[in-house]
Amino acid sequence: MTTTIIFIVVGLLIVGGAAALVYIGMRQPQTNDDRALLERLDEFNQRGEQVDLEKIELSLPFQERIIFPMARKLGDIAVKFTPQNAMRSISRNLELAGNPGRMDPTIFLALQFIIAVVLLIVLIVVFTVGQSDWPVGQKILMAGGGAVIGFYLPQLWLTSKIQARQKEIRKAMPDALDLLTICVEAGLGFDAALAKVSEKWESELSLAFSRVIQEVQLGKIRREALRDMSDRIGLAEMTSFVAAVIQSEQLGVSMAKVLRIQSDQMRVKRRQLAEEEAHKAPIKMLLPMAGLIFPALFISLMAPAALRLMNSAMAGMF
């Protein structure tokens, strides 16, 4: 009994620690450790206090001092055994998802291994403590399968973030292009119009526009900044919009006319996607109807007849 209690307590501690690591990793602050230290240094300098690096480091939150460096060390070890193509794929997916939590590929890989190990340990503890008659090979197979599922859970979460971000951008593009067209027709330049659109909304599209403006201000060529934005979003609509803007700039075509045509095309595309989703609705409703509604309807219709047959002379047949 004492051994069972010890296993349960250890399993709960491991699960709690892993959940805290995952939660902290998903809510990683916007700035990295070096920038956080620099901000603390500036704060101490503005106060006129004597700068003490040890005091500044101790003033940082616990996750920035302990959790993130440990996760980054674990990720660095995992990177040595991970192919470069896989690391590039993780980096690409993080960019497409809008870099949630400002995670780098190292932190993301560390989270994958942490969740896999935690699920493996939890399943081993459950199979050890539980009164299961399964053979040892089946228990090992189940624990290994749980570890594999835990390893791929962050990737599934990242895929859902990518799809949600692209859907939000696709939905916001027609309205943003309308405002962009109005600003350009009112006499603003394209960069100023982008800045106005990014000020009016707080969405993934406005963040992408504001990043383009920052890159242009830092000296990057505008067409390169727009192409990079298109690569970070990964939408065919955005690629078409960027190509049209670059072509109009190179050929000297009216920017307002190009933007108006693009906004009309985006609105037609959004309507077509909405109609496509509406046509998919009956097929998606088929599974819950067949699994939930039809059995209940069958029981409610056939139960009275079944009761009558059980109490009739034909009951022996059933």
Protein backbone atom coordinates (compact mmCIF):
# COMPACT_ATOMS: atom_id res chain seq x y z
CA MET A 1 0.00 0.00 0.00
CA THR A 2 2.84 2.39 0.86
CA THR A 3 4.57 1.67 -2.45
CA THR A 4 1.35 2.37 -4.32
CA ILE A 5 0.95 5.73 -2.59
CA ILE A 6 4.57 6.64 -3.36
CA PHE A 7 4.06 5.81 -7.06
CA ILE A 8 0.90 7.89 -7.18
CA VAL A 9 2.58 10.90 -5.50
CA VAL A 10 5.61 10.68 -7.82
CA GLY A 11 3.34 10.46 -10.87
CA LEU A 12 1.31 13.48 -9.76
CA LEU A 13 4.47 15.49 -9.16
CA ILE A 14 5.83 14.59 -12.59
CA VAL A 15 2.55 15.43 -14.33
CA GLY A 16 2.27 18.72 -12.44
CA GLY A 17 5.84 19.69 -13.28
CA ALA A 18 5.41 18.81 -16.94
CA ALA A 19 2.14 20.75 -17.14
CA ALA A 20 3.87 23.77 -15.62
CA LEU A 21 6.74 23.48 -18.11
CA VAL A 22 4.35 23.24 -21.05
CA TYR A 23 2.24 26.15 -19.78
CA ILE A 24 5.29 28.33 -19.23
CA GLY A 25 6.71 27.34 -22.61
CA MET A 26 3.49 28.29 -24.40
CA ARG A 27 3.37 31.60 -22.56
CA GLN A 28 6.98 32.54 -23.10
CA PRO A 29 7.42 36.30 -22.86
CA GLN A 30 7.79 38.48 -25.93
CA THR A 31 11.47 39.22 -25.33
CA ASN A 32 14.40 36.87 -24.91
CA ASP A 33 16.69 36.70 -21.88
CA ASP A 34 19.30 39.11 -23.24
CA ARG A 35 16.75 41.78 -24.04
CA ALA A 36 15.13 41.31 -20.63
CA LEU A 37 18.52 41.85 -18.98
CA LEU A 38 19.13 44.96 -21.06
CA GLU A 39 15.74 46.36 -20.08
CA ARG A 40 16.54 45.76 -16.43
CA LEU A 41 19.89 47.47 -16.89
CA ASP A 42 18.22 50.51 -18.44
CA GLU A 43 15.72 50.59 -15.59
CA PHE A 44 18.46 50.59 -12.98
CA ASN A 45 20.41 53.26 -14.88
CA GLN A 46 17.37 55.52 -15.07
CA ARG A 47 16.89 55.20 -11.32
CA GLY A 48 20.51 56.14 -10.76
CA GLU A 49 21.16 53.02 -8.72
CA GLN A 50 24.43 51.11 -8.73
CA VAL A 51 24.36 48.39 -11.37
CA ASP A 52 24.77 44.89 -9.98
CA LEU A 53 24.42 42.12 -12.56
CA GLU A 54 23.70 39.47 -9.94
CA LYS A 55 20.93 41.59 -8.45
CA ILE A 56 19.46 42.22 -11.90
CA GLU A 57 19.48 38.52 -12.75
CA LEU A 58 17.83 37.65 -9.44
CA SER A 59 15.12 40.24 -10.14
CA LEU A 60 14.07 38.35 -13.29
CA PRO A 61 11.09 35.95 -13.05
CA PHE A 62 11.76 32.36 -12.04
CA GLN A 63 10.95 30.91 -15.47
CA GLU A 64 13.42 33.25 -17.19
CA ARG A 65 16.20 32.35 -14.76
CA ILE A 66 15.64 28.61 -14.36
CA ILE A 67 12.97 27.07 -16.59
CA PHE A 68 13.85 28.56 -19.97
CA PRO A 69 17.62 27.92 -19.70
CA MET A 70 16.96 24.31 -18.66
CA ALA A 71 14.54 23.80 -21.55
CA ARG A 72 16.99 25.43 -23.94
CA LYS A 73 19.82 23.14 -22.73
CA LEU A 74 17.60 20.10 -23.23
CA GLY A 75 16.68 21.39 -26.68
CA ASP A 76 20.34 21.89 -27.56
CA ILE A 77 21.02 18.25 -26.67
CA ALA A 78 18.05 17.11 -28.75
CA VAL A 79 19.16 19.26 -31.70
CA LYS A 80 22.39 17.24 -31.98
CA PHE A 81 20.34 14.11 -32.76
CA THR A 82 17.76 15.84 -34.97
CA PRO A 83 18.21 16.17 -38.75
CA GLN A 84 18.61 19.67 -40.11
CA ASN A 85 15.59 19.18 -42.38
CA ALA A 86 13.43 18.54 -39.32
CA MET A 87 14.78 21.68 -37.60
CA ARG A 88 14.08 23.75 -40.70
CA SER A 89 10.57 22.31 -40.85
CA ILE A 90 9.95 23.24 -37.20
CA SER A 91 11.30 26.75 -37.78
CA ARG A 92 9.11 27.12 -40.87
CA ASN A 93 5.99 25.95 -39.02
CA LEU A 94 6.69 28.33 -36.16
CA GLU A 95 6.88 31.21 -38.63
CA LEU A 96 3.64 30.15 -40.30
CA ALA A 97 1.93 29.97 -36.90
CA GLY A 98 3.04 33.53 -36.07
CA ASN A 99 5.70 32.29 -33.64
CA PRO A 100 3.30 31.62 -30.72
CA GLY A 101 4.92 32.26 -27.36
CA ARG A 102 8.03 33.51 -29.22
CA MET A 103 9.40 29.98 -29.14
CA ASP A 104 12.46 29.02 -31.09
CA PRO A 105 12.91 25.51 -32.56
CA THR A 106 15.09 24.50 -29.61
CA ILE A 107 12.37 25.24 -27.05
CA PHE A 108 9.73 23.56 -29.19
CA LEU A 109 11.83 20.41 -29.57
CA ALA A 110 12.45 20.36 -25.82
CA LEU A 111 8.69 20.57 -25.18
CA GLN A 112 8.13 17.60 -27.48
CA PHE A 113 10.61 15.44 -25.59
CA ILE A 114 9.33 16.59 -22.19
CA ILE A 115 5.72 15.71 -23.01
CA ALA A 116 6.78 12.35 -24.49
CA VAL A 117 8.83 11.42 -21.41
CA VAL A 118 6.10 12.55 -19.02
CA LEU A 119 3.43 10.47 -20.76
CA LEU A 120 5.78 7.48 -20.82
CA ILE A 121 6.44 7.74 -17.06
CA VAL A 122 2.77 8.30 -16.25
CA LEU A 123 1.68 5.25 -18.23
CA ILE A 124 4.40 3.12 -16.65
CA VAL A 125 3.25 4.21 -13.18
CA VAL A 126 -0.40 3.54 -14.07
CA PHE A 127 0.36 0.06 -15.39
CA THR A 128 2.56 -0.69 -12.37
CA VAL A 129 0.09 0.51 -9.75
CA GLY A 130 -3.11 -0.61 -11.49
CA GLN A 131 -4.46 -4.12 -11.17
CA SER A 132 -4.12 -4.88 -14.88
CA ASP A 133 -3.82 -8.42 -16.24
CA TRP A 134 -2.21 -7.30 -19.48
CA PRO A 135 1.05 -9.01 -20.43
CA VAL A 136 4.30 -7.09 -20.04
CA GLY A 137 4.80 -6.75 -23.79
CA GLN A 138 1.39 -5.13 -24.21
CA LYS A 139 2.10 -2.71 -21.37
CA ILE A 140 5.42 -1.71 -22.94
CA LEU A 141 3.70 -1.24 -26.30
CA MET A 142 0.99 0.95 -24.77
CA ALA A 143 3.54 3.06 -22.89
CA GLY A 144 5.65 3.49 -26.03
CA GLY A 145 2.57 4.45 -28.03
CA GLY A 146 1.67 7.07 -25.41
CA ALA A 147 5.19 8.50 -25.63
CA VAL A 148 4.94 8.75 -29.42
CA ILE A 149 1.55 10.47 -29.14
CA GLY A 150 3.00 12.89 -26.57
CA PHE A 151 5.89 13.68 -28.89
CA TYR A 152 3.55 14.61 -31.74
CA LEU A 153 1.00 16.52 -29.62
CA PRO A 154 2.90 19.86 -29.90
CA GLN A 155 3.06 19.42 -33.67
CA LEU A 156 -0.71 18.94 -33.81
CA TRP A 157 -1.14 22.06 -31.68
CA LEU A 158 1.19 23.98 -34.00
CA THR A 159 -0.72 22.81 -37.08
CA SER A 160 -3.98 24.03 -35.56
CA LYS A 161 -2.37 27.39 -34.82
CA ILE A 162 -1.20 27.66 -38.45
CA GLN A 163 -4.67 26.90 -39.78
CA ALA A 164 -6.34 29.34 -37.38
CA ARG A 165 -3.89 32.13 -38.27
CA GLN A 166 -4.30 31.61 -42.01
CA LYS A 167 -8.08 31.52 -41.67
CA GLU A 168 -8.06 34.77 -39.70
CA ILE A 169 -5.80 36.49 -42.26
CA ARG A 170 -7.88 35.23 -45.19
CA LYS A 171 -11.03 36.56 -43.55
CA ALA A 172 -9.49 39.98 -42.78
CA MET A 173 -7.80 40.59 -46.14
CA PRO A 174 -10.76 42.05 -48.12
CA ASP A 175 -11.60 44.65 -45.46
CA ALA A 176 -7.92 45.51 -44.98
CA LEU A 177 -7.44 45.96 -48.73
CA ASP A 178 -10.52 48.19 -48.88
CA LEU A 179 -9.05 50.46 -46.22
CA LEU A 180 -5.69 50.30 -47.98
CA THR A 181 -7.34 51.37 -51.25
CA ILE A 182 -9.14 54.28 -49.57
CA CYS A 183 -5.91 55.48 -47.98
CA VAL A 184 -4.00 55.29 -51.27
CA GLU A 185 -6.80 57.09 -53.15
CA ALA A 186 -6.78 59.77 -50.45
CA GLY A 187 -3.16 60.56 -51.32
CA LEU A 188 -1.16 58.48 -48.87
CA GLY A 189 1.84 56.49 -50.01
CA PHE A 190 1.75 52.71 -49.87
CA ASP A 191 3.92 52.52 -46.73
CA ALA A 192 1.81 55.15 -44.96
CA ALA A 193 -1.35 53.28 -45.97
CA LEU A 194 0.07 50.06 -44.53
CA ALA A 195 0.85 51.91 -41.30
CA LYS A 196 -2.71 53.24 -41.15
CA VAL A 197 -4.17 49.77 -41.64
CA SER A 198 -1.90 48.32 -38.94
CA GLU A 199 -3.05 51.07 -36.55
CA LYS A 200 -6.76 50.46 -37.13
CA TRP A 201 -6.80 46.72 -36.40
CA GLU A 202 -5.24 44.37 -33.90
CA SER A 203 -5.02 41.13 -35.83
CA GLU A 204 -2.47 38.82 -37.39
CA LEU A 205 -2.71 40.72 -40.67
CA SER A 206 -2.05 44.08 -39.01
CA LEU A 207 0.94 42.57 -37.20
CA ALA A 208 2.28 41.31 -40.53
CA PHE A 209 1.85 44.77 -42.07
CA SER A 210 3.55 46.47 -39.13
CA ARG A 211 6.50 44.09 -39.43
CA VAL A 212 6.84 44.99 -43.11
CA ILE A 213 6.91 48.68 -42.17
CA GLN A 214 9.57 48.08 -39.53
CA GLU A 215 11.73 46.12 -41.97
CA VAL A 216 11.43 48.87 -44.60
CA GLN A 217 12.38 51.48 -42.01
CA LEU A 218 15.43 49.42 -41.11
CA GLY A 219 16.61 49.50 -44.72
CA LYS A 220 15.14 46.43 -46.40
CA ILE A 221 13.77 46.89 -49.90
CA ARG A 222 9.99 47.02 -49.88
CA ARG A 223 9.45 44.22 -52.39
CA GLU A 224 11.74 41.95 -50.39
CA ALA A 225 9.89 42.79 -47.18
CA LEU A 226 6.57 42.01 -48.90
CA ARG A 227 7.88 38.71 -50.26
CA ASP A 228 9.13 37.76 -46.80
CA MET A 229 5.69 38.58 -45.37
CA SER A 230 4.08 36.34 -48.00
CA ASP A 231 6.47 33.51 -47.09
CA ARG A 232 5.71 33.91 -43.37
CA ILE A 233 1.95 33.68 -43.99
CA GLY A 234 1.87 30.94 -46.63
CA LEU A 235 -1.42 31.90 -48.29
CA ALA A 236 -2.01 31.90 -52.04
CA GLU A 237 -4.14 35.05 -51.67
CA MET A 238 -1.30 36.92 -49.98
CA THR A 239 1.18 35.73 -52.60
CA SER A 240 -1.10 37.03 -55.35
CA PHE A 241 -1.52 40.36 -53.58
CA VAL A 242 2.23 40.82 -53.08
CA ALA A 243 2.95 39.88 -56.71
CA ALA A 244 0.37 42.41 -57.94
CA VAL A 245 1.79 45.19 -55.74
CA ILE A 246 5.38 44.50 -56.86
CA GLN A 247 4.34 44.34 -60.52
CA SER A 248 2.41 47.62 -60.29
CA GLU A 249 5.43 49.27 -58.68
CA GLN A 250 7.78 48.01 -61.40
CA LEU A 251 5.47 48.82 -64.34
CA GLY A 252 4.14 52.13 -63.02
CA VAL A 253 0.50 51.02 -62.90
CA SER A 254 -1.89 52.90 -60.61
CA MET A 255 -1.59 51.39 -57.14
CA ALA A 256 -5.17 52.31 -56.20
CA LYS A 257 -6.59 50.46 -59.22
CA VAL A 258 -4.51 47.36 -58.45
CA LEU A 259 -5.57 47.39 -54.80
CA ARG A 260 -9.24 47.75 -55.72
CA ILE A 261 -9.04 44.80 -58.13
CA GLN A 262 -7.26 42.75 -55.47
CA SER A 263 -9.87 43.59 -52.81
CA ASP A 264 -12.70 42.56 -55.17
CA GLN A 265 -10.94 39.28 -55.93
CA MET A 266 -10.36 38.63 -52.23
CA ARG A 267 -14.03 39.24 -51.47
CA VAL A 268 -15.11 36.85 -54.23
CA LYS A 269 -12.63 34.28 -52.92
CA ARG A 270 -13.95 34.67 -49.37
CA ARG A 271 -17.54 34.21 -50.59
CA GLN A 272 -16.53 31.07 -52.50
CA LEU A 273 -14.82 29.65 -49.42
CA ALA A 274 -17.93 30.37 -47.33
CA GLU A 275 -20.10 28.57 -49.90
CA GLU A 276 -17.67 25.66 -49.89
CA GLU A 277 -17.91 25.39 -46.11
CA ALA A 278 -21.70 25.55 -46.35
CA HIS A 279 -21.72 22.66 -48.84
CA LYS A 280 -19.51 20.63 -46.49
CA ALA A 281 -21.94 21.10 -43.58
CA PRO A 282 -24.38 18.26 -44.52
CA ILE A 283 -21.50 15.79 -44.84
CA LYS A 284 -20.07 16.87 -41.48
CA MET A 285 -23.53 16.51 -39.90
CA LEU A 286 -23.83 12.93 -41.18
CA LEU A 287 -21.50 11.44 -38.56
CA PRO A 288 -23.24 12.88 -35.44
CA MET A 289 -26.63 12.08 -36.96
CA ALA A 290 -25.66 8.46 -37.64
CA GLY A 291 -23.91 8.06 -34.30
CA LEU A 292 -26.21 9.98 -31.95
CA ILE A 293 -29.55 11.01 -33.44
CA PHE A 294 -30.51 7.89 -35.40
CA PRO A 295 -29.86 5.39 -32.53
CA ALA A 296 -31.94 7.49 -30.12
CA LEU A 297 -34.72 7.83 -32.71
CA PHE A 298 -34.59 4.09 -33.41
CA ILE A 299 -34.86 3.26 -29.71
CA SER A 300 -37.76 5.66 -29.14
CA LEU A 301 -39.67 4.25 -32.12
CA MET A 302 -38.95 0.56 -31.67
CA ALA A 303 -39.05 0.28 -27.87
CA PRO A 304 -42.91 0.26 -27.58
CA ALA A 305 -43.19 -2.38 -30.29
CA ALA A 306 -40.48 -4.49 -28.62
CA LEU A 307 -42.28 -4.30 -25.26
CA ARG A 308 -45.56 -5.37 -26.86
CA LEU A 309 -43.88 -8.33 -28.55
CA MET A 310 -42.24 -9.40 -25.26
CA ASN A 311 -45.66 -9.51 -23.55
CA SER A 312 -47.46 -11.20 -26.44
CA ALA A 313 -47.77 -14.82 -27.50
CA MET A 314 -44.88 -14.35 -29.92
CA ALA A 315 -42.41 -13.65 -27.09
CA GLY A 316 -40.94 -17.13 -27.43
CA MET A 317 -39.71 -16.31 -30.92
CA PHE A 318 -37.45 -13.60 -29.50
